[in-house]
Amino acid sequence: MLQIILIIVISYILGSIPTAIIAGKLLKNIDIRDHGSGNAGATNVFRVLGWKAGLIVLLIDMFKGFAPVYWLISLIPEAGVSPDSRIHYQIIIGISAVAGHVWTIFARFRGGKGVGTAAGVFLGLEPVPVFICLIVFIILVSKTRYVSLGSTTAAILLPIILFLKKYFLHFEVPIAMIILSILLAVLIVLTHKKNIRRLVQGKENKLSFTKREGIT
C-alpha cells in the first residue's frame, strides 16, 4: 500500500511540473500567466511564444500523463494484483497526474487546464479513441481556430466513444475507464467555463497560426 501511495504522489509531482511557466522563463524570461490568455498551458505558449515552443510544451504535458499510467504502474508488483485492480490503480494515478497539472504545487496551484495531460493519460490506456478525438480536435481548431471548442468537444467525445466501444462494438472496456473519462471531461469543461462563456458571447480569442503576441 505504501508503494502505491508513493507512486500516486510521484504522479502528482510529475504532473505538477509547470512546463508552460518554465518555457516562458527560459525563452523570454516572462511569467506566461501575465500574457495572452493568462493560462499556464500549451495553447497560451503557442499564442505567446510561437508554435515550436507550444508543441514542445504540449508533448511534455502529454508525457506527464502518459508516463505514470504506462511506466510507473510497472513498479507495482504483478503478484497479487488482479487486472481489475491494476486498471483501478492506473486510473487513480492518472487522476493524480492531471490534478498536478491543473493545481500545480510549484506555482501556487495555478496550472493549466488539463487537456494535454489528460490526453496523455488516455494515450497510455486507450490510444485508439484518443487518436479519434485528436482528429476531431485538429479539424475543429483548423476550421474555427477556437482551441477551447476543440478541447471541450474532444473531452466530451471520449467517454461517448468508450461507451460505444464497450456496449455496441463489445470490446473489453472497464466501467472504471468510462467513469474516468466522464470525470476528466467534466473537469476540462469546468476549467474552460470562462472560454465557453466567451464562445457563447462571441468574444473568445481565436488562435492565429501566423502571428504571436510580441514579447521584448
N, C-alpha and C. Protein backbone atom coordinates (compact mmCIF):
# COMPACT_ATOMS: atom_id res chain seq x y z
N MET A 1 0.82 -1.21 0.00
CA MET A 1 0.00 0.00 0.00
C MET A 1 0.86 1.26 0.00
N LEU A 2 1.95 1.22 0.78
CA LEU A 2 2.86 2.36 0.84
C LEU A 2 3.46 2.64 -0.53
N GLN A 3 3.76 1.57 -1.26
CA GLN A 3 4.32 1.72 -2.60
C GLN A 3 3.33 2.40 -3.53
N ILE A 4 2.06 2.03 -3.43
CA ILE A 4 1.02 2.62 -4.27
C ILE A 4 0.86 4.10 -3.95
N ILE A 5 0.84 4.45 -2.67
CA ILE A 5 0.73 5.84 -2.26
C ILE A 5 1.90 6.66 -2.80
N LEU A 6 3.10 6.07 -2.73
CA LEU A 6 4.29 6.75 -3.23
C LEU A 6 4.18 7.02 -4.73
N ILE A 7 3.67 6.05 -5.49
CA ILE A 7 3.51 6.22 -6.94
C ILE A 7 2.49 7.32 -7.24
N ILE A 8 1.41 7.36 -6.45
CA ILE A 8 0.39 8.40 -6.64
C ILE A 8 0.99 9.78 -6.39
N VAL A 9 1.80 9.89 -5.34
CA VAL A 9 2.45 11.17 -5.02
C VAL A 9 3.42 11.57 -6.12
N ILE A 10 4.21 10.62 -6.60
CA ILE A 10 5.16 10.90 -7.68
C ILE A 10 4.41 11.36 -8.93
N SER A 11 3.27 10.73 -9.21
CA SER A 11 2.46 11.11 -10.37
C SER A 11 1.97 12.54 -10.25
N TYR A 12 1.55 12.91 -9.06
CA TYR A 12 1.09 14.29 -8.83
C TYR A 12 2.24 15.27 -9.04
N ILE A 13 3.41 14.95 -8.51
CA ILE A 13 4.57 15.83 -8.64
C ILE A 13 4.99 15.95 -10.10
N LEU A 14 4.98 14.81 -10.83
CA LEU A 14 5.31 14.84 -12.24
C LEU A 14 4.32 15.70 -13.01
N GLY A 15 3.03 15.52 -12.71
CA GLY A 15 2.01 16.33 -13.35
C GLY A 15 2.13 17.80 -13.00
N SER A 16 2.70 18.09 -11.83
CA SER A 16 2.81 19.46 -11.35
C SER A 16 3.92 20.26 -12.02
N ILE A 17 4.83 19.58 -12.72
CA ILE A 17 5.92 20.32 -13.37
C ILE A 17 5.30 21.37 -14.30
N PRO A 18 5.51 22.66 -14.01
CA PRO A 18 4.83 23.74 -14.76
C PRO A 18 5.52 24.03 -16.09
N THR A 19 5.31 23.16 -17.05
CA THR A 19 6.03 23.22 -18.32
C THR A 19 5.91 24.57 -19.01
N ALA A 20 4.69 25.09 -19.08
CA ALA A 20 4.48 26.37 -19.76
C ALA A 20 5.20 27.51 -19.04
N ILE A 21 5.16 27.50 -17.72
CA ILE A 21 5.82 28.56 -16.95
C ILE A 21 7.33 28.47 -17.14
N ILE A 22 7.87 27.26 -17.14
CA ILE A 22 9.30 27.07 -17.36
C ILE A 22 9.69 27.55 -18.76
N ALA A 23 8.87 27.25 -19.75
CA ALA A 23 9.16 27.69 -21.12
C ALA A 23 9.20 29.21 -21.21
N GLY A 24 8.25 29.87 -20.54
CA GLY A 24 8.23 31.32 -20.55
C GLY A 24 9.48 31.92 -19.93
N LYS A 25 9.91 31.33 -18.82
CA LYS A 25 11.11 31.82 -18.13
C LYS A 25 12.36 31.58 -18.96
N LEU A 26 12.47 30.39 -19.54
CA LEU A 26 13.68 30.04 -20.28
C LEU A 26 13.80 30.82 -21.60
N LEU A 27 12.68 30.98 -22.30
CA LEU A 27 12.73 31.56 -23.64
C LEU A 27 12.67 33.09 -23.64
N LYS A 28 11.86 33.66 -22.74
CA LYS A 28 11.69 35.12 -22.76
C LYS A 28 11.78 35.77 -21.39
N ASN A 29 12.09 34.97 -20.37
CA ASN A 29 12.17 35.47 -19.00
C ASN A 29 10.88 36.19 -18.59
N ILE A 30 9.74 35.55 -18.89
CA ILE A 30 8.44 36.10 -18.53
C ILE A 30 7.66 35.05 -17.76
N ASP A 31 6.63 35.51 -17.06
CA ASP A 31 5.65 34.61 -16.48
C ASP A 31 4.52 34.49 -17.50
N ILE A 32 4.39 33.32 -18.11
CA ILE A 32 3.42 33.13 -19.18
C ILE A 32 2.00 33.48 -18.74
N ARG A 33 1.76 33.44 -17.42
CA ARG A 33 0.42 33.75 -16.89
C ARG A 33 0.11 35.23 -16.91
N ASP A 34 1.12 36.06 -17.22
CA ASP A 34 0.92 37.50 -17.34
C ASP A 34 0.70 37.94 -18.78
N HIS A 35 0.61 36.97 -19.68
CA HIS A 35 0.49 37.29 -21.10
C HIS A 35 -0.58 36.41 -21.75
N GLY A 36 -1.02 36.86 -22.92
CA GLY A 36 -2.02 36.09 -23.65
C GLY A 36 -3.29 35.89 -22.85
N SER A 37 -3.71 34.64 -22.74
CA SER A 37 -4.93 34.32 -22.00
C SER A 37 -4.71 34.27 -20.50
N GLY A 38 -3.43 34.26 -20.08
CA GLY A 38 -3.13 34.17 -18.66
C GLY A 38 -3.08 32.76 -18.13
N ASN A 39 -3.24 31.79 -19.04
CA ASN A 39 -3.25 30.38 -18.62
C ASN A 39 -1.87 29.76 -18.78
N ALA A 40 -1.53 28.88 -17.84
CA ALA A 40 -0.23 28.20 -17.90
C ALA A 40 -0.35 26.89 -18.65
N GLY A 41 -0.72 26.99 -19.92
CA GLY A 41 -0.91 25.79 -20.72
C GLY A 41 -0.28 25.93 -22.09
N ALA A 42 -0.29 24.84 -22.84
CA ALA A 42 0.37 24.81 -24.14
C ALA A 42 -0.24 25.78 -25.14
N THR A 43 -1.56 25.96 -25.09
CA THR A 43 -2.21 26.87 -26.03
C THR A 43 -1.70 28.30 -25.84
N ASN A 44 -1.56 28.71 -24.60
CA ASN A 44 -1.07 30.07 -24.35
C ASN A 44 0.40 30.22 -24.74
N VAL A 45 1.18 29.15 -24.57
CA VAL A 45 2.57 29.18 -25.02
C VAL A 45 2.60 29.32 -26.54
N PHE A 46 1.73 28.58 -27.22
CA PHE A 46 1.61 28.68 -28.68
C PHE A 46 1.30 30.13 -29.06
N ARG A 47 0.36 30.73 -28.34
CA ARG A 47 -0.08 32.08 -28.65
C ARG A 47 1.02 33.11 -28.39
N VAL A 48 1.75 32.95 -27.29
CA VAL A 48 2.70 33.97 -26.86
C VAL A 48 4.12 33.72 -27.39
N LEU A 49 4.55 32.45 -27.38
CA LEU A 49 5.94 32.14 -27.70
C LEU A 49 6.13 31.47 -29.06
N GLY A 50 5.03 31.10 -29.71
CA GLY A 50 5.15 30.51 -31.03
C GLY A 50 4.86 29.02 -31.04
N TRP A 51 4.67 28.48 -32.26
CA TRP A 51 4.19 27.10 -32.38
C TRP A 51 5.22 26.07 -31.96
N LYS A 52 6.51 26.36 -32.15
CA LYS A 52 7.53 25.39 -31.77
C LYS A 52 7.54 25.18 -30.26
N ALA A 53 7.54 26.29 -29.52
CA ALA A 53 7.51 26.20 -28.06
C ALA A 53 6.21 25.57 -27.59
N GLY A 54 5.10 25.94 -28.23
CA GLY A 54 3.80 25.39 -27.87
C GLY A 54 3.73 23.90 -28.07
N LEU A 55 4.29 23.41 -29.19
CA LEU A 55 4.27 21.99 -29.48
C LEU A 55 5.12 21.21 -28.47
N ILE A 56 6.29 21.75 -28.14
CA ILE A 56 7.16 21.08 -27.17
C ILE A 56 6.48 20.99 -25.81
N VAL A 57 5.85 22.10 -25.38
CA VAL A 57 5.14 22.11 -24.09
C VAL A 57 3.99 21.11 -24.11
N LEU A 58 3.25 21.05 -25.22
CA LEU A 58 2.14 20.11 -25.33
C LEU A 58 2.62 18.66 -25.21
N LEU A 59 3.70 18.33 -25.91
CA LEU A 59 4.22 16.97 -25.87
C LEU A 59 4.70 16.59 -24.47
N ILE A 60 5.34 17.54 -23.78
CA ILE A 60 5.79 17.27 -22.42
C ILE A 60 4.59 17.11 -21.48
N ASP A 61 3.58 17.96 -21.66
CA ASP A 61 2.37 17.85 -20.83
C ASP A 61 1.69 16.50 -21.05
N MET A 62 1.67 16.03 -22.28
CA MET A 62 1.10 14.72 -22.56
C MET A 62 1.93 13.61 -21.91
N PHE A 63 3.24 13.77 -21.97
CA PHE A 63 4.13 12.78 -21.36
C PHE A 63 3.90 12.71 -19.85
N LYS A 64 3.57 13.84 -19.22
CA LYS A 64 3.31 13.86 -17.77
C LYS A 64 2.12 12.99 -17.40
N GLY A 65 1.19 12.81 -18.33
CA GLY A 65 0.06 11.92 -18.09
C GLY A 65 0.32 10.50 -18.55
N PHE A 66 1.08 10.38 -19.65
CA PHE A 66 1.35 9.07 -20.23
C PHE A 66 2.29 8.24 -19.35
N ALA A 67 3.36 8.86 -18.89
CA ALA A 67 4.40 8.13 -18.15
C ALA A 67 3.87 7.43 -16.89
N PRO A 68 3.08 8.10 -16.07
CA PRO A 68 2.61 7.41 -14.85
C PRO A 68 1.76 6.18 -15.12
N VAL A 69 0.80 6.27 -16.06
CA VAL A 69 -0.11 5.14 -16.28
C VAL A 69 0.54 4.05 -17.12
N TYR A 70 1.60 4.39 -17.85
CA TYR A 70 2.22 3.40 -18.73
C TYR A 70 3.48 2.80 -18.13
N TRP A 71 4.25 3.61 -17.38
CA TRP A 71 5.52 3.13 -16.83
C TRP A 71 5.54 3.01 -15.30
N LEU A 72 5.06 4.04 -14.61
CA LEU A 72 5.11 3.99 -13.15
C LEU A 72 4.28 2.83 -12.59
N ILE A 73 3.22 2.48 -13.28
CA ILE A 73 2.36 1.39 -12.83
C ILE A 73 3.15 0.09 -12.75
N SER A 74 4.21 -0.02 -13.56
CA SER A 74 5.02 -1.26 -13.57
C SER A 74 5.78 -1.44 -12.27
N LEU A 75 5.86 -0.39 -11.45
CA LEU A 75 6.54 -0.50 -10.16
C LEU A 75 5.70 -1.26 -9.14
N ILE A 76 4.39 -1.40 -9.44
CA ILE A 76 3.53 -2.21 -8.57
C ILE A 76 3.71 -3.68 -8.95
N PRO A 77 4.10 -4.54 -8.04
CA PRO A 77 4.36 -5.95 -8.36
C PRO A 77 3.13 -6.62 -8.99
N GLU A 78 3.39 -7.45 -10.00
CA GLU A 78 2.30 -8.18 -10.66
C GLU A 78 1.63 -9.17 -9.71
N ALA A 79 2.42 -9.78 -8.86
CA ALA A 79 1.91 -10.82 -7.96
C ALA A 79 0.86 -10.24 -7.01
N GLY A 80 -0.26 -10.91 -6.96
CA GLY A 80 -1.30 -10.50 -6.02
C GLY A 80 -2.14 -9.33 -6.48
N VAL A 81 -1.90 -8.83 -7.70
CA VAL A 81 -2.68 -7.71 -8.23
C VAL A 81 -3.47 -8.20 -9.42
N SER A 82 -4.79 -8.19 -9.32
CA SER A 82 -5.64 -8.64 -10.41
C SER A 82 -5.68 -7.58 -11.51
N PRO A 83 -6.01 -7.98 -12.75
CA PRO A 83 -6.12 -7.00 -13.83
C PRO A 83 -7.10 -5.87 -13.51
N ASP A 84 -8.22 -6.21 -12.84
CA ASP A 84 -9.19 -5.18 -12.47
C ASP A 84 -8.59 -4.19 -11.49
N SER A 85 -7.86 -4.69 -10.51
CA SER A 85 -7.21 -3.79 -9.55
C SER A 85 -6.17 -2.93 -10.23
N ARG A 86 -5.47 -3.50 -11.17
CA ARG A 86 -4.40 -2.78 -11.87
C ARG A 86 -4.97 -1.58 -12.63
N ILE A 87 -6.07 -1.76 -13.32
CA ILE A 87 -6.66 -0.65 -14.07
C ILE A 87 -7.16 0.42 -13.12
N HIS A 88 -7.64 0.01 -11.95
CA HIS A 88 -8.08 0.99 -10.97
C HIS A 88 -6.90 1.81 -10.46
N TYR A 89 -5.77 1.14 -10.26
CA TYR A 89 -4.56 1.87 -9.85
C TYR A 89 -4.14 2.85 -10.93
N GLN A 90 -4.20 2.42 -12.18
CA GLN A 90 -3.83 3.30 -13.29
C GLN A 90 -4.73 4.53 -13.33
N ILE A 91 -6.01 4.33 -13.07
CA ILE A 91 -6.96 5.43 -13.10
C ILE A 91 -6.66 6.43 -11.98
N ILE A 92 -6.39 5.93 -10.80
CA ILE A 92 -6.06 6.81 -9.67
C ILE A 92 -4.78 7.58 -9.96
N ILE A 93 -3.79 6.88 -10.52
CA ILE A 93 -2.51 7.51 -10.86
C ILE A 93 -2.72 8.59 -11.93
N GLY A 94 -3.56 8.28 -12.93
CA GLY A 94 -3.84 9.24 -13.99
C GLY A 94 -4.52 10.49 -13.46
N ILE A 95 -5.50 10.31 -12.58
CA ILE A 95 -6.19 11.45 -11.97
C ILE A 95 -5.21 12.30 -11.20
N SER A 96 -4.28 11.65 -10.50
CA SER A 96 -3.28 12.38 -9.72
C SER A 96 -2.41 13.24 -10.62
N ALA A 97 -2.01 12.71 -11.77
CA ALA A 97 -1.17 13.47 -12.70
C ALA A 97 -1.91 14.67 -13.27
N VAL A 98 -3.17 14.48 -13.65
CA VAL A 98 -3.97 15.59 -14.19
C VAL A 98 -4.20 16.66 -13.11
N ALA A 99 -4.49 16.21 -11.90
CA ALA A 99 -4.67 17.15 -10.79
C ALA A 99 -3.41 17.97 -10.56
N GLY A 100 -2.24 17.32 -10.68
CA GLY A 100 -0.99 18.04 -10.53
C GLY A 100 -0.83 19.12 -11.58
N HIS A 101 -1.24 18.82 -12.82
CA HIS A 101 -1.13 19.81 -13.89
C HIS A 101 -2.06 21.00 -13.66
N VAL A 102 -3.28 20.71 -13.26
CA VAL A 102 -4.28 21.78 -13.06
C VAL A 102 -3.97 22.59 -11.81
N TRP A 103 -3.59 21.89 -10.74
CA TRP A 103 -3.29 22.56 -9.46
C TRP A 103 -1.84 22.26 -9.08
N THR A 104 -0.91 22.88 -9.81
CA THR A 104 0.49 22.58 -9.62
C THR A 104 1.02 23.12 -8.29
N ILE A 105 1.71 22.25 -7.58
CA ILE A 105 2.27 22.62 -6.28
C ILE A 105 3.44 23.59 -6.44
N PHE A 106 3.99 23.69 -7.65
CA PHE A 106 5.17 24.52 -7.89
C PHE A 106 4.82 25.95 -8.29
N ALA A 107 3.54 26.25 -8.48
CA ALA A 107 3.16 27.60 -8.94
C ALA A 107 1.88 28.04 -8.25
N ARG A 108 1.84 27.88 -6.92
CA ARG A 108 0.70 28.34 -6.12
C ARG A 108 -0.62 27.76 -6.62
N PHE A 109 -0.57 26.52 -7.11
CA PHE A 109 -1.76 25.78 -7.54
C PHE A 109 -2.49 26.45 -8.71
N ARG A 110 -1.73 27.23 -9.51
CA ARG A 110 -2.27 27.84 -10.73
C ARG A 110 -1.61 27.18 -11.93
N GLY A 111 -2.22 26.14 -12.44
CA GLY A 111 -1.65 25.42 -13.56
C GLY A 111 -2.45 25.59 -14.84
N GLY A 112 -2.36 24.58 -15.71
CA GLY A 112 -3.08 24.60 -16.97
C GLY A 112 -4.48 24.04 -16.83
N LYS A 113 -5.09 23.73 -17.96
CA LYS A 113 -6.48 23.28 -17.95
C LYS A 113 -6.63 21.76 -18.05
N GLY A 114 -5.52 21.06 -18.15
CA GLY A 114 -5.56 19.61 -18.03
C GLY A 114 -5.76 18.82 -19.30
N VAL A 115 -5.93 19.50 -20.44
CA VAL A 115 -6.26 18.78 -21.67
C VAL A 115 -5.10 17.90 -22.13
N GLY A 116 -3.90 18.47 -22.24
CA GLY A 116 -2.75 17.72 -22.71
C GLY A 116 -2.41 16.54 -21.82
N THR A 117 -2.40 16.78 -20.50
CA THR A 117 -2.06 15.71 -19.57
C THR A 117 -3.13 14.63 -19.55
N ALA A 118 -4.39 15.02 -19.63
CA ALA A 118 -5.48 14.03 -19.70
C ALA A 118 -5.37 13.21 -20.98
N ALA A 119 -5.01 13.86 -22.09
CA ALA A 119 -4.82 13.12 -23.34
C ALA A 119 -3.69 12.12 -23.20
N GLY A 120 -2.63 12.52 -22.49
CA GLY A 120 -1.52 11.60 -22.26
C GLY A 120 -1.92 10.40 -21.42
N VAL A 121 -2.77 10.63 -20.42
CA VAL A 121 -3.27 9.53 -19.58
C VAL A 121 -4.01 8.51 -20.44
N PHE A 122 -4.92 8.98 -21.28
CA PHE A 122 -5.71 8.05 -22.08
C PHE A 122 -4.92 7.49 -23.25
N LEU A 123 -3.86 8.19 -23.66
CA LEU A 123 -2.99 7.63 -24.68
C LEU A 123 -2.32 6.36 -24.16
N GLY A 124 -2.05 6.34 -22.86
CA GLY A 124 -1.47 5.16 -22.24
C GLY A 124 -2.49 4.08 -21.93
N LEU A 125 -3.77 4.45 -21.90
CA LEU A 125 -4.83 3.50 -21.54
C LEU A 125 -5.66 3.05 -22.74
N GLU A 126 -6.08 4.00 -23.56
CA GLU A 126 -6.96 3.71 -24.70
C GLU A 126 -6.50 4.57 -25.89
N PRO A 127 -5.41 4.19 -26.56
CA PRO A 127 -4.84 5.05 -27.60
C PRO A 127 -5.74 5.31 -28.81
N VAL A 128 -6.48 4.31 -29.28
CA VAL A 128 -7.29 4.49 -30.49
C VAL A 128 -8.37 5.55 -30.30
N PRO A 129 -9.20 5.50 -29.23
CA PRO A 129 -10.16 6.57 -29.00
C PRO A 129 -9.51 7.95 -28.88
N VAL A 130 -8.31 8.00 -28.30
CA VAL A 130 -7.61 9.29 -28.18
C VAL A 130 -7.26 9.84 -29.55
N PHE A 131 -6.79 8.97 -30.46
CA PHE A 131 -6.45 9.42 -31.81
C PHE A 131 -7.69 9.93 -32.55
N ILE A 132 -8.83 9.28 -32.33
CA ILE A 132 -10.07 9.76 -32.95
C ILE A 132 -10.42 11.15 -32.43
N CYS A 133 -10.31 11.32 -31.12
CA CYS A 133 -10.58 12.64 -30.51
C CYS A 133 -9.59 13.68 -31.00
N LEU A 134 -8.34 13.26 -31.19
CA LEU A 134 -7.31 14.18 -31.69
C LEU A 134 -7.64 14.67 -33.10
N ILE A 135 -8.13 13.76 -33.93
CA ILE A 135 -8.51 14.13 -35.29
C ILE A 135 -9.66 15.15 -35.26
N VAL A 136 -10.65 14.89 -34.39
CA VAL A 136 -11.77 15.83 -34.24
C VAL A 136 -11.26 17.18 -33.75
N PHE A 137 -10.35 17.15 -32.78
CA PHE A 137 -9.76 18.38 -32.24
C PHE A 137 -9.07 19.18 -33.34
N ILE A 138 -8.24 18.50 -34.15
CA ILE A 138 -7.49 19.18 -35.21
C ILE A 138 -8.44 19.79 -36.24
N ILE A 139 -9.47 19.04 -36.62
CA ILE A 139 -10.44 19.55 -37.60
C ILE A 139 -11.15 20.79 -37.08
N LEU A 140 -11.62 20.72 -35.84
CA LEU A 140 -12.35 21.86 -35.26
C LEU A 140 -11.46 23.09 -35.14
N VAL A 141 -10.25 22.90 -34.63
CA VAL A 141 -9.36 24.04 -34.44
C VAL A 141 -8.94 24.64 -35.78
N SER A 142 -8.67 23.79 -36.76
CA SER A 142 -8.25 24.30 -38.06
C SER A 142 -9.38 25.05 -38.76
N LYS A 143 -10.62 24.61 -38.52
CA LYS A 143 -11.77 25.25 -39.17
C LYS A 143 -12.22 26.51 -38.42
N THR A 144 -12.21 26.48 -37.09
CA THR A 144 -12.76 27.59 -36.31
C THR A 144 -11.70 28.45 -35.64
N ARG A 145 -10.50 27.85 -35.42
CA ARG A 145 -9.39 28.49 -34.69
C ARG A 145 -9.74 28.73 -33.21
N TYR A 146 -10.74 28.03 -32.72
CA TYR A 146 -11.08 28.07 -31.29
C TYR A 146 -10.53 26.80 -30.63
N VAL A 147 -9.42 26.94 -29.92
CA VAL A 147 -8.83 25.78 -29.25
C VAL A 147 -9.75 25.27 -28.15
N SER A 148 -10.41 26.19 -27.46
CA SER A 148 -11.30 25.79 -26.37
C SER A 148 -12.45 24.93 -26.88
N LEU A 149 -12.96 25.25 -28.07
CA LEU A 149 -14.04 24.46 -28.67
C LEU A 149 -13.55 23.07 -29.01
N GLY A 150 -12.35 22.99 -29.59
CA GLY A 150 -11.78 21.69 -29.92
C GLY A 150 -11.49 20.86 -28.69
N SER A 151 -10.96 21.50 -27.64
CA SER A 151 -10.60 20.79 -26.41
C SER A 151 -11.82 20.22 -25.71
N THR A 152 -12.84 21.05 -25.51
CA THR A 152 -14.03 20.60 -24.79
C THR A 152 -14.80 19.56 -25.60
N THR A 153 -14.86 19.74 -26.90
CA THR A 153 -15.56 18.77 -27.75
C THR A 153 -14.86 17.41 -27.69
N ALA A 154 -13.53 17.42 -27.80
CA ALA A 154 -12.77 16.17 -27.75
C ALA A 154 -12.92 15.49 -26.40
N ALA A 155 -12.93 16.29 -25.33
CA ALA A 155 -13.07 15.73 -23.98
C ALA A 155 -14.43 15.07 -23.80
N ILE A 156 -15.47 15.69 -24.32
CA ILE A 156 -16.83 15.14 -24.21
C ILE A 156 -16.99 13.92 -25.12
N LEU A 157 -16.31 13.95 -26.26
CA LEU A 157 -16.42 12.85 -27.22
C LEU A 157 -15.80 11.56 -26.70
N LEU A 158 -14.74 11.67 -25.91
CA LEU A 158 -14.02 10.47 -25.47
C LEU A 158 -14.90 9.48 -24.70
N PRO A 159 -15.64 9.90 -23.65
CA PRO A 159 -16.50 8.91 -22.98
C PRO A 159 -17.58 8.33 -23.88
N ILE A 160 -18.03 9.11 -24.86
CA ILE A 160 -19.03 8.60 -25.80
C ILE A 160 -18.43 7.47 -26.63
N ILE A 161 -17.19 7.68 -27.10
CA ILE A 161 -16.51 6.64 -27.90
C ILE A 161 -16.28 5.38 -27.06
N LEU A 162 -15.84 5.56 -25.82
CA LEU A 162 -15.60 4.40 -24.95
C LEU A 162 -16.90 3.65 -24.67
N PHE A 163 -17.98 4.39 -24.49
CA PHE A 163 -19.28 3.77 -24.25
C PHE A 163 -19.70 2.95 -25.47
N LEU A 164 -19.56 3.53 -26.66
CA LEU A 164 -19.92 2.81 -27.88
C LEU A 164 -19.02 1.60 -28.09
N LYS A 165 -17.75 1.75 -27.78
CA LYS A 165 -16.79 0.66 -27.94
C LYS A 165 -17.17 -0.53 -27.05
N LYS A 166 -17.64 -0.24 -25.85
CA LYS A 166 -17.98 -1.31 -24.91
C LYS A 166 -19.33 -1.94 -25.22
N TYR A 167 -20.34 -1.11 -25.39
CA TYR A 167 -21.70 -1.65 -25.44
C TYR A 167 -22.23 -1.92 -26.85
N PHE A 168 -21.59 -1.35 -27.88
CA PHE A 168 -22.06 -1.59 -29.24
C PHE A 168 -21.06 -2.41 -30.06
N LEU A 169 -19.76 -2.19 -29.81
CA LEU A 169 -18.74 -2.96 -30.52
C LEU A 169 -18.25 -4.14 -29.68
N HIS A 170 -18.64 -4.16 -28.40
CA HIS A 170 -18.38 -5.29 -27.50
C HIS A 170 -16.88 -5.55 -27.25
N PHE A 171 -16.13 -4.46 -27.14
CA PHE A 171 -14.74 -4.58 -26.71
C PHE A 171 -14.69 -4.55 -25.19
N GLU A 172 -13.56 -5.05 -24.65
CA GLU A 172 -13.37 -5.02 -23.20
C GLU A 172 -12.94 -3.61 -22.77
N VAL A 173 -13.88 -2.86 -22.23
CA VAL A 173 -13.57 -1.53 -21.70
C VAL A 173 -14.07 -1.49 -20.26
N PRO A 174 -13.18 -1.39 -19.28
CA PRO A 174 -13.63 -1.36 -17.88
C PRO A 174 -14.57 -0.19 -17.61
N ILE A 175 -15.60 -0.44 -16.82
CA ILE A 175 -16.52 0.63 -16.44
C ILE A 175 -15.77 1.78 -15.79
N ALA A 176 -14.76 1.43 -15.01
CA ALA A 176 -13.98 2.48 -14.33
C ALA A 176 -13.32 3.41 -15.34
N MET A 177 -12.95 2.89 -16.51
CA MET A 177 -12.33 3.71 -17.56
C MET A 177 -13.33 4.73 -18.10
N ILE A 178 -14.55 4.27 -18.30
CA ILE A 178 -15.60 5.17 -18.79
C ILE A 178 -15.89 6.24 -17.75
N ILE A 179 -15.96 5.83 -16.50
CA ILE A 179 -16.20 6.80 -15.41
C ILE A 179 -15.08 7.82 -15.36
N LEU A 180 -13.82 7.37 -15.50
CA LEU A 180 -12.69 8.29 -15.50
C LEU A 180 -12.81 9.29 -16.65
N SER A 181 -13.17 8.81 -17.83
CA SER A 181 -13.29 9.70 -18.98
C SER A 181 -14.38 10.75 -18.75
N ILE A 182 -15.46 10.35 -18.08
CA ILE A 182 -16.53 11.31 -17.77
C ILE A 182 -16.04 12.34 -16.76
N LEU A 183 -15.34 11.88 -15.72
CA LEU A 183 -14.83 12.79 -14.70
C LEU A 183 -13.85 13.80 -15.29
N LEU A 184 -12.95 13.32 -16.15
CA LEU A 184 -11.98 14.23 -16.76
C LEU A 184 -12.66 15.18 -17.75
N ALA A 185 -13.69 14.71 -18.43
CA ALA A 185 -14.44 15.59 -19.33
C ALA A 185 -15.11 16.71 -18.55
N VAL A 186 -15.69 16.35 -17.41
CA VAL A 186 -16.32 17.36 -16.55
C VAL A 186 -15.27 18.36 -16.06
N LEU A 187 -14.10 17.84 -15.64
CA LEU A 187 -13.04 18.72 -15.16
C LEU A 187 -12.58 19.67 -16.25
N ILE A 188 -12.39 19.16 -17.47
CA ILE A 188 -11.93 20.01 -18.57
C ILE A 188 -12.98 21.05 -18.94
N VAL A 189 -14.24 20.67 -18.92
CA VAL A 189 -15.31 21.66 -19.18
C VAL A 189 -15.30 22.74 -18.10
N LEU A 190 -15.12 22.33 -16.85
CA LEU A 190 -15.09 23.31 -15.76
C LEU A 190 -13.90 24.25 -15.87
N THR A 191 -12.73 23.72 -16.25
CA THR A 191 -11.56 24.59 -16.39
C THR A 191 -11.69 25.50 -17.61
N HIS A 192 -12.63 25.18 -18.50
CA HIS A 192 -12.86 26.01 -19.69
C HIS A 192 -14.15 26.84 -19.58
N LYS A 193 -14.70 26.96 -18.39
CA LYS A 193 -16.00 27.63 -18.27
C LYS A 193 -15.96 29.08 -18.75
N LYS A 194 -14.85 29.78 -18.51
CA LYS A 194 -14.75 31.16 -18.99
C LYS A 194 -14.67 31.19 -20.51
N ASN A 195 -13.94 30.22 -21.06
CA ASN A 195 -13.85 30.13 -22.52
C ASN A 195 -15.21 29.84 -23.14
N ILE A 196 -15.96 28.94 -22.51
CA ILE A 196 -17.28 28.59 -23.02
C ILE A 196 -18.20 29.80 -22.97
N ARG A 197 -18.10 30.56 -21.89
CA ARG A 197 -18.91 31.78 -21.78
C ARG A 197 -18.56 32.76 -22.91
N ARG A 198 -17.27 32.90 -23.19
CA ARG A 198 -16.85 33.81 -24.27
C ARG A 198 -17.27 33.28 -25.64
N LEU A 199 -17.26 31.94 -25.80
CA LEU A 199 -17.72 31.36 -27.05
C LEU A 199 -19.19 31.68 -27.30
N VAL A 200 -19.99 31.54 -26.27
CA VAL A 200 -21.42 31.84 -26.37
C VAL A 200 -21.64 33.32 -26.70
N GLN A 201 -20.81 34.18 -26.12
CA GLN A 201 -20.92 35.62 -26.33
C GLN A 201 -20.24 36.08 -27.61
N GLY A 202 -19.53 35.18 -28.28
CA GLY A 202 -18.82 35.54 -29.49
C GLY A 202 -17.56 36.35 -29.24
N LYS A 203 -16.99 36.22 -28.03
CA LYS A 203 -15.83 37.02 -27.65
C LYS A 203 -14.57 36.18 -27.43
N GLU A 204 -14.63 34.89 -27.73
CA GLU A 204 -13.49 34.03 -27.49
C GLU A 204 -12.34 34.37 -28.45
N ASN A 205 -11.11 34.31 -27.94
CA ASN A 205 -9.94 34.59 -28.77
C ASN A 205 -9.69 33.45 -29.74
N LYS A 206 -9.39 33.82 -30.96
CA LYS A 206 -9.05 32.81 -31.96
C LYS A 206 -7.54 32.61 -31.98
N LEU A 207 -7.14 31.39 -32.27
CA LEU A 207 -5.73 31.08 -32.36
C LEU A 207 -5.21 31.47 -33.73
N SER A 208 -4.13 32.25 -33.75
CA SER A 208 -3.52 32.64 -35.01
C SER A 208 -2.36 31.70 -35.31
N PHE A 209 -2.30 31.21 -36.53
CA PHE A 209 -1.23 30.31 -36.92
C PHE A 209 -0.04 31.06 -37.53
N THR A 210 -0.20 32.37 -37.66
CA THR A 210 0.87 33.14 -38.29
C THR A 210 1.42 34.25 -37.39
N LYS A 211 0.65 34.63 -36.35
CA LYS A 211 1.08 35.72 -35.50
C LYS A 211 1.18 35.25 -34.07
N ARG A 212 1.98 35.99 -33.30
CA ARG A 212 2.05 35.74 -31.88
C ARG A 212 2.22 37.04 -31.16
N GLU A 213 1.90 37.03 -29.89
CA GLU A 213 1.99 38.25 -29.10
C GLU A 213 3.44 38.70 -29.02
N GLY A 214 3.67 39.99 -29.24
CA GLY A 214 5.03 40.50 -29.18
C GLY A 214 5.57 40.59 -27.77
N ILE A 215 6.71 39.94 -27.52
CA ILE A 215 7.37 40.00 -26.23
C ILE A 215 8.81 40.47 -26.45
N THR A 216 9.18 41.48 -25.76
CA THR A 216 10.54 42.01 -25.93
C THR A 216 11.44 41.55 -24.82
